[in-house]
C-alpha atoms as a PDB file:
ATOM      1  CA  MET A   1       0.000   0.000   0.000  1.00  0.00           C
ATOM      2  CA  GLN A   2       2.864   2.406   0.675  1.00  0.00           C
ATOM      3  CA  TYR A   3       4.236   1.868  -2.859  1.00  0.00           C
ATOM      4  CA  GLU A   4       0.924   2.784  -4.387  1.00  0.00           C
ATOM      5  CA  ALA A   5       0.885   5.984  -2.334  1.00  0.00           C
ATOM      6  CA  ARG A   6       4.400   6.813  -3.580  1.00  0.00           C
ATOM      7  CA  VAL A   7       3.410   6.280  -7.202  1.00  0.00           C
ATOM      8  CA  ARG A   8       0.310   8.443  -6.757  1.00  0.00           C
ATOM      9  CA  ALA A   9       2.479  11.137  -5.161  1.00  0.00           C
ATOM     10  CA  LEU A  10       4.859  10.992  -8.150  1.00  0.00           C
ATOM     11  CA  ILE A  11       2.098  11.560 -10.668  1.00  0.00           C
ATOM     12  CA  GLY A  12       0.026  13.959  -8.567  1.00  0.00           C
ATOM     13  CA  ASP A  13       1.243  17.069 -10.364  1.00  0.00           C
ATOM     14  CA  ASP A  14       2.066  15.432 -13.693  1.00  0.00           C
ATOM     15  CA  GLU A  15      -0.454  16.560 -16.309  1.00  0.00           C
ATOM     16  CA  VAL A  16       0.653  13.981 -18.882  1.00  0.00           C
ATOM     17  CA  CYS A  17       0.100  11.038 -16.534  1.00  0.00           C
ATOM     18  CA  ARG A  18      -3.307  12.368 -15.530  1.00  0.00           C
ATOM     19  CA  LEU A  19      -4.139  12.711 -19.218  1.00  0.00           C
ATOM     20  CA  PHE A  20      -3.112   9.078 -19.803  1.00  0.00           C
ATOM     21  CA  MET A  21      -5.255   7.978 -16.870  1.00  0.00           C
ATOM     22  CA  SER A  22      -8.348   9.326 -18.670  1.00  0.00           C
ATOM     23  CA  ILE A  23      -8.090   6.183 -20.847  1.00  0.00           C
ATOM     24  CA  PRO A  24     -10.046   3.277 -19.354  1.00  0.00           C
ATOM     25  CA  GLY A  25      -7.644   0.637 -18.056  1.00  0.00           C
ATOM     26  CA  VAL A  26      -4.650   2.947 -17.749  1.00  0.00           C
ATOM     27  CA  GLY A  27      -3.720   3.471 -14.133  1.00  0.00           C
ATOM     28  CA  PRO A  28      -0.996   5.492 -12.436  1.00  0.00           C
ATOM     29  CA  LEU A  29       1.744   2.906 -12.868  1.00  0.00           C
ATOM     30  CA  THR A  30       0.982   2.274 -16.544  1.00  0.00           C
ATOM     31  CA  ALA A  31       0.962   6.015 -17.227  1.00  0.00           C
ATOM     32  CA  LEU A  32       4.276   6.504 -15.464  1.00  0.00           C
ATOM     33  CA  VAL A  33       5.939   3.512 -17.139  1.00  0.00           C
ATOM     34  CA  TYR A  34       4.767   4.562 -20.607  1.00  0.00           C
ATOM     35  CA  LYS A  35       5.886   8.155 -20.120  1.00  0.00           C
ATOM     36  CA  SER A  36       9.355   7.051 -19.004  1.00  0.00           C
ATOM     37  CA  ALA A  37       9.678   4.508 -21.849  1.00  0.00           C
ATOM     38  CA  ILE A  38       8.803   6.971 -24.613  1.00  0.00           C
ATOM     39  CA  ASP A  39      10.627   9.916 -22.985  1.00  0.00           C
ATOM     40  CA  ASP A  40      10.831  12.255 -25.988  1.00  0.00           C
ATOM     41  CA  PRO A  41       7.847  11.708 -28.290  1.00  0.00           C
ATOM     42  CA  LYS A  42       9.419  13.716 -31.120  1.00  0.00           C
ATOM     43  CA  ARG A  43      11.999  11.015 -31.770  1.00  0.00           C
ATOM     44  CA  PHE A  44       9.307   9.017 -33.587  1.00  0.00           C
ATOM     45  CA  ALA A  45       8.366  10.248 -37.061  1.00  0.00           C
ATOM     46  CA  LYS A  46       4.903   8.671 -36.789  1.00  0.00           C
ATOM     47  CA  SER A  47       2.823   7.647 -33.808  1.00  0.00           C
ATOM     48  CA  ALA A  48       2.618   4.108 -35.212  1.00  0.00           C
ATOM     49  CA  ASN A  49       6.355   3.768 -34.586  1.00  0.00           C
ATOM     50  CA  ALA A  50       5.691   3.824 -30.830  1.00  0.00           C
ATOM     51  CA  GLY A  51       4.022   0.415 -31.138  1.00  0.00           C
ATOM     52  CA  VAL A  52       6.991  -0.850 -33.144  1.00  0.00           C
ATOM     53  CA  HIS A  53       9.419   0.515 -30.555  1.00  0.00           C
ATOM     54  CA  LEU A  54       7.646  -1.409 -27.800  1.00  0.00           C
ATOM     55  CA  GLY A  55       7.579  -4.681 -29.750  1.00  0.00           C
ATOM     56  CA  LEU A  56       3.832  -4.820 -30.269  1.00  0.00           C
ATOM     57  CA  THR A  57       3.926  -5.455 -34.028  1.00  0.00           C
ATOM     58  CA  PRO A  58       3.779  -8.864 -35.695  1.00  0.00           C
ATOM     59  CA  ARG A  59       6.872 -10.485 -37.151  1.00  0.00           C
ATOM     60  CA  LYS A  60       6.862 -10.701 -40.931  1.00  0.00           C
ATOM     61  CA  TYR A  61       7.922 -13.832 -42.759  1.00  0.00           C
ATOM     62  CA  ALA A  62       8.254 -13.693 -46.528  1.00  0.00           C
ATOM     63  CA  SER A  63      10.009 -16.251 -48.677  1.00  0.00           C
ATOM     64  CA  GLY A  64       9.124 -16.755 -52.304  1.00  0.00           C
ATOM     65  CA  GLU A  65       5.394 -17.408 -52.407  1.00  0.00           C
ATOM     66  CA  ILE A  66       4.979 -17.586 -48.619  1.00  0.00           C
ATOM     67  CA  ASP A  67       4.070 -14.389 -46.794  1.00  0.00           C
ATOM     68  CA  TYR A  68       2.534 -14.355 -43.319  1.00  0.00           C
ATOM     69  CA  ASN A  69       2.537 -12.510 -40.014  1.00  0.00           C
ATOM     70  CA  GLY A  70       3.904 -14.249 -36.943  1.00  0.00           C
ATOM     71  CA  ARG A  71       3.823 -13.456 -33.252  1.00  0.00           C
ATOM     72  CA  ILE A  72       4.790 -10.033 -31.905  1.00  0.00           C
ATOM     73  CA  THR A  73       8.465  -9.077 -32.058  1.00  0.00           C
ATOM     74  CA  LYS A  74       8.813  -8.384 -28.309  1.00  0.00           C
ATOM     75  CA  CYS A  75      11.672  -5.960 -28.897  1.00  0.00           C
ATOM     76  CA  GLY A  76      11.766  -2.901 -26.684  1.00  0.00           C
ATOM     77  CA  ASP A  77      10.805  -2.442 -23.060  1.00  0.00           C
ATOM     78  CA  PRO A  78       9.054  -5.564 -21.691  1.00  0.00           C
ATOM     79  CA  LEU A  79       7.696  -3.721 -18.636  1.00  0.00           C
ATOM     80  CA  THR A  80       5.888  -1.143 -20.750  1.00  0.00           C
ATOM     81  CA  ARG A  81       4.620  -3.819 -23.118  1.00  0.00           C
ATOM     82  CA  SER A  82       3.195  -5.866 -20.248  1.00  0.00           C
ATOM     83  CA  HIS A  83       1.531  -2.823 -18.670  1.00  0.00           C
ATOM     84  CA  LEU A  84      -0.071  -1.891 -21.988  1.00  0.00           C
ATOM     85  CA  PHE A  85      -1.288  -5.480 -22.374  1.00  0.00           C
ATOM     86  CA  GLU A  86      -2.829  -5.337 -18.888  1.00  0.00           C
ATOM     87  CA  ALA A  87      -4.436  -1.981 -19.692  1.00  0.00           C
ATOM     88  CA  ALA A  88      -5.921  -3.480 -22.860  1.00  0.00           C
ATOM     89  CA  MET A  89      -7.297  -6.407 -20.860  1.00  0.00           C
ATOM     90  CA  VAL A  90      -8.940  -4.068 -18.363  1.00  0.00           C
ATOM     91  CA  LEU A  91     -10.341  -1.899 -21.155  1.00  0.00           C
ATOM     92  CA  MET A  92     -11.817  -4.923 -22.946  1.00  0.00           C
ATOM     93  CA  ARG A  93     -13.115  -6.814 -19.889  1.00  0.00           C
ATOM     94  CA  ARG A  94     -13.912  -4.438 -17.057  1.00  0.00           C
ATOM     95  CA  SER A  95     -14.576  -1.066 -18.621  1.00  0.00           C
ATOM     96  CA  ALA A  96     -18.283  -0.380 -18.280  1.00  0.00           C
ATOM     97  CA  LYS A  97     -18.222   2.638 -20.560  1.00  0.00           C
ATOM     98  CA  THR A  98     -18.211   1.831 -24.272  1.00  0.00           C
ATOM     99  CA  SER A  99     -15.577   3.429 -26.455  1.00  0.00           C
ATOM    100  CA  ALA A 100     -14.653   3.207 -30.125  1.00  0.00           C
ATOM    101  CA  LEU A 101     -11.443   1.428 -29.111  1.00  0.00           C
ATOM    102  CA  LYS A 102     -13.340  -1.201 -27.129  1.00  0.00           C
ATOM    103  CA  ALA A 103     -15.788  -1.711 -29.999  1.00  0.00           C
ATOM    104  CA  TRP A 104     -12.898  -2.105 -32.420  1.00  0.00           C
ATOM    105  CA  GLY A 105     -11.282  -4.676 -30.124  1.00  0.00           C
ATOM    106  CA  THR A 106     -14.559  -6.567 -29.912  1.00  0.00           C
ATOM    107  CA  ARG A 107     -14.658  -6.777 -33.711  1.00  0.00           C
ATOM    108  CA  ILE A 108     -11.129  -8.237 -33.628  1.00  0.00           C
ATOM    109  CA  VAL A 109     -12.313 -10.899 -31.144  1.00  0.00           C
ATOM    110  CA  ARG A 110     -14.963 -12.043 -33.609  1.00  0.00           C
ATOM    111  CA  ARG A 111     -12.301 -12.657 -36.275  1.00  0.00           C
ATOM    112  CA  GLY A 112      -9.611 -14.093 -34.019  1.00  0.00           C
ATOM    113  CA  SER A 113      -8.907 -14.802 -30.383  1.00  0.00           C
ATOM    114  CA  MET A 114      -9.258 -12.682 -27.271  1.00  0.00           C
ATOM    115  CA  LYS A 115      -5.489 -12.714 -26.697  1.00  0.00           C
ATOM    116  CA  LYS A 116      -4.824 -11.342 -30.182  1.00  0.00           C
ATOM    117  CA  ALA A 117      -7.376  -8.629 -29.555  1.00  0.00           C
ATOM    118  CA  TYR A 118      -5.576  -7.655 -26.342  1.00  0.00           C
ATOM    119  CA  VAL A 119      -2.283  -7.326 -28.215  1.00  0.00           C
ATOM    120  CA  VAL A 120      -3.850  -5.265 -30.990  1.00  0.00           C
ATOM    121  CA  VAL A 121      -5.638  -2.987 -28.526  1.00  0.00           C
ATOM    122  CA  ALA A 122      -2.373  -2.622 -26.550  1.00  0.00           C
ATOM    123  CA  ARG A 123      -0.606  -1.502 -29.745  1.00  0.00           C
ATOM    124  CA  LYS A 124      -3.373   0.994 -30.447  1.00  0.00           C
ATOM    125  CA  LEU A 125      -3.110   2.251 -26.873  1.00  0.00           C
ATOM    126  CA  ALA A 126       0.621   2.832 -27.411  1.00  0.00           C
ATOM    127  CA  VAL A 127      -0.084   4.751 -30.610  1.00  0.00           C
ATOM    128  CA  PHE A 128      -2.860   6.816 -29.072  1.00  0.00           C
ATOM    129  CA  MET A 129      -0.854   7.583 -25.937  1.00  0.00           C
ATOM    130  CA  HIS A 130       2.021   8.780 -28.141  1.00  0.00           C
ATOM    131  CA  ARG A 131      -0.372  11.080 -29.955  1.00  0.00           C
ATOM    132  CA  MET A 132      -1.627  12.342 -26.599  1.00  0.00           C
ATOM    133  CA  LEU A 133       1.966  13.145 -25.628  1.00  0.00           C
ATOM    134  CA  LEU A 134       2.456  15.184 -28.790  1.00  0.00           C
ATOM    135  CA  ASP A 135      -0.896  16.971 -28.971  1.00  0.00           C
ATOM    136  CA  GLY A 136      -2.083  17.014 -25.378  1.00  0.00           C
ATOM    137  CA  THR A 137      -5.479  15.732 -26.533  1.00  0.00           C
ATOM    138  CA  ALA A 138      -7.741  13.806 -24.187  1.00  0.00           C
ATOM    139  CA  PHE A 139      -9.172  10.334 -24.769  1.00  0.00           C
ATOM    140  CA  ASP A 140     -12.355  10.474 -26.827  1.00  0.00           C
ATOM    141  CA  PHE A 141     -14.799   7.686 -26.028  1.00  0.00           C
ATOM    142  CA  GLY A 142     -17.094   8.165 -28.990  1.00  0.00           C
ATOM    143  CA  VAL A 143     -15.076   8.785 -32.121  1.00  0.00           C
ATOM    144  CA  GLU A 144     -12.056   6.794 -33.225  1.00  0.00           C
ATOM    145  CA  PRO A 145      -9.004   9.078 -33.110  1.00  0.00           C
ATOM    146  CA  ALA A 146      -7.260   9.736 -36.437  1.00  0.00           C
ATOM    147  CA  ALA A 147      -4.071   7.987 -35.276  1.00  0.00           C
ATOM    148  CA  ILE A 148      -6.006   4.830 -34.451  1.00  0.00           C
ATOM    149  CA  ALA A 149      -8.374   4.863 -37.427  1.00  0.00           C
ATOM    150  CA  GLY A 150      -5.469   4.788 -39.874  1.00  0.00           C
ATOM    151  CA  MET A 151      -4.055   1.576 -38.443  1.00  0.00           C
ATOM    152  CA  ASN A 152      -6.931  -0.729 -39.527  1.00  0.00           C
END
């Protein structure tokens, strides 16, 4: 309990972490870990590169006529990746309020598995949180953000 109080004290005056915590499933520790992992958001040319940096993109295999996507690359910070995965799980399972991101994840579940949907939603969370760092925009529950809509 004392560690949780320390983390809350760290982010008490941090506007960026409070902005991240407006996303369902993102708590104080996830916000702090993501902010420290990305550090300078301007080092990425596109917001989609934040998901690549954290290892949340599928491996590509192409040889002659064979071309398929494998599991995620898992390069980058494993702590941040695991926190984003947990945030995606909470958003998909426990979030009572419906959002465009949750609806999109639910459509992914229909085509594949729940675990794949968690990974995809975690990648979209990374992309959206990067955009929030750059723009200072808040999470919009109703409309899919432009950074997320382009990744379909």
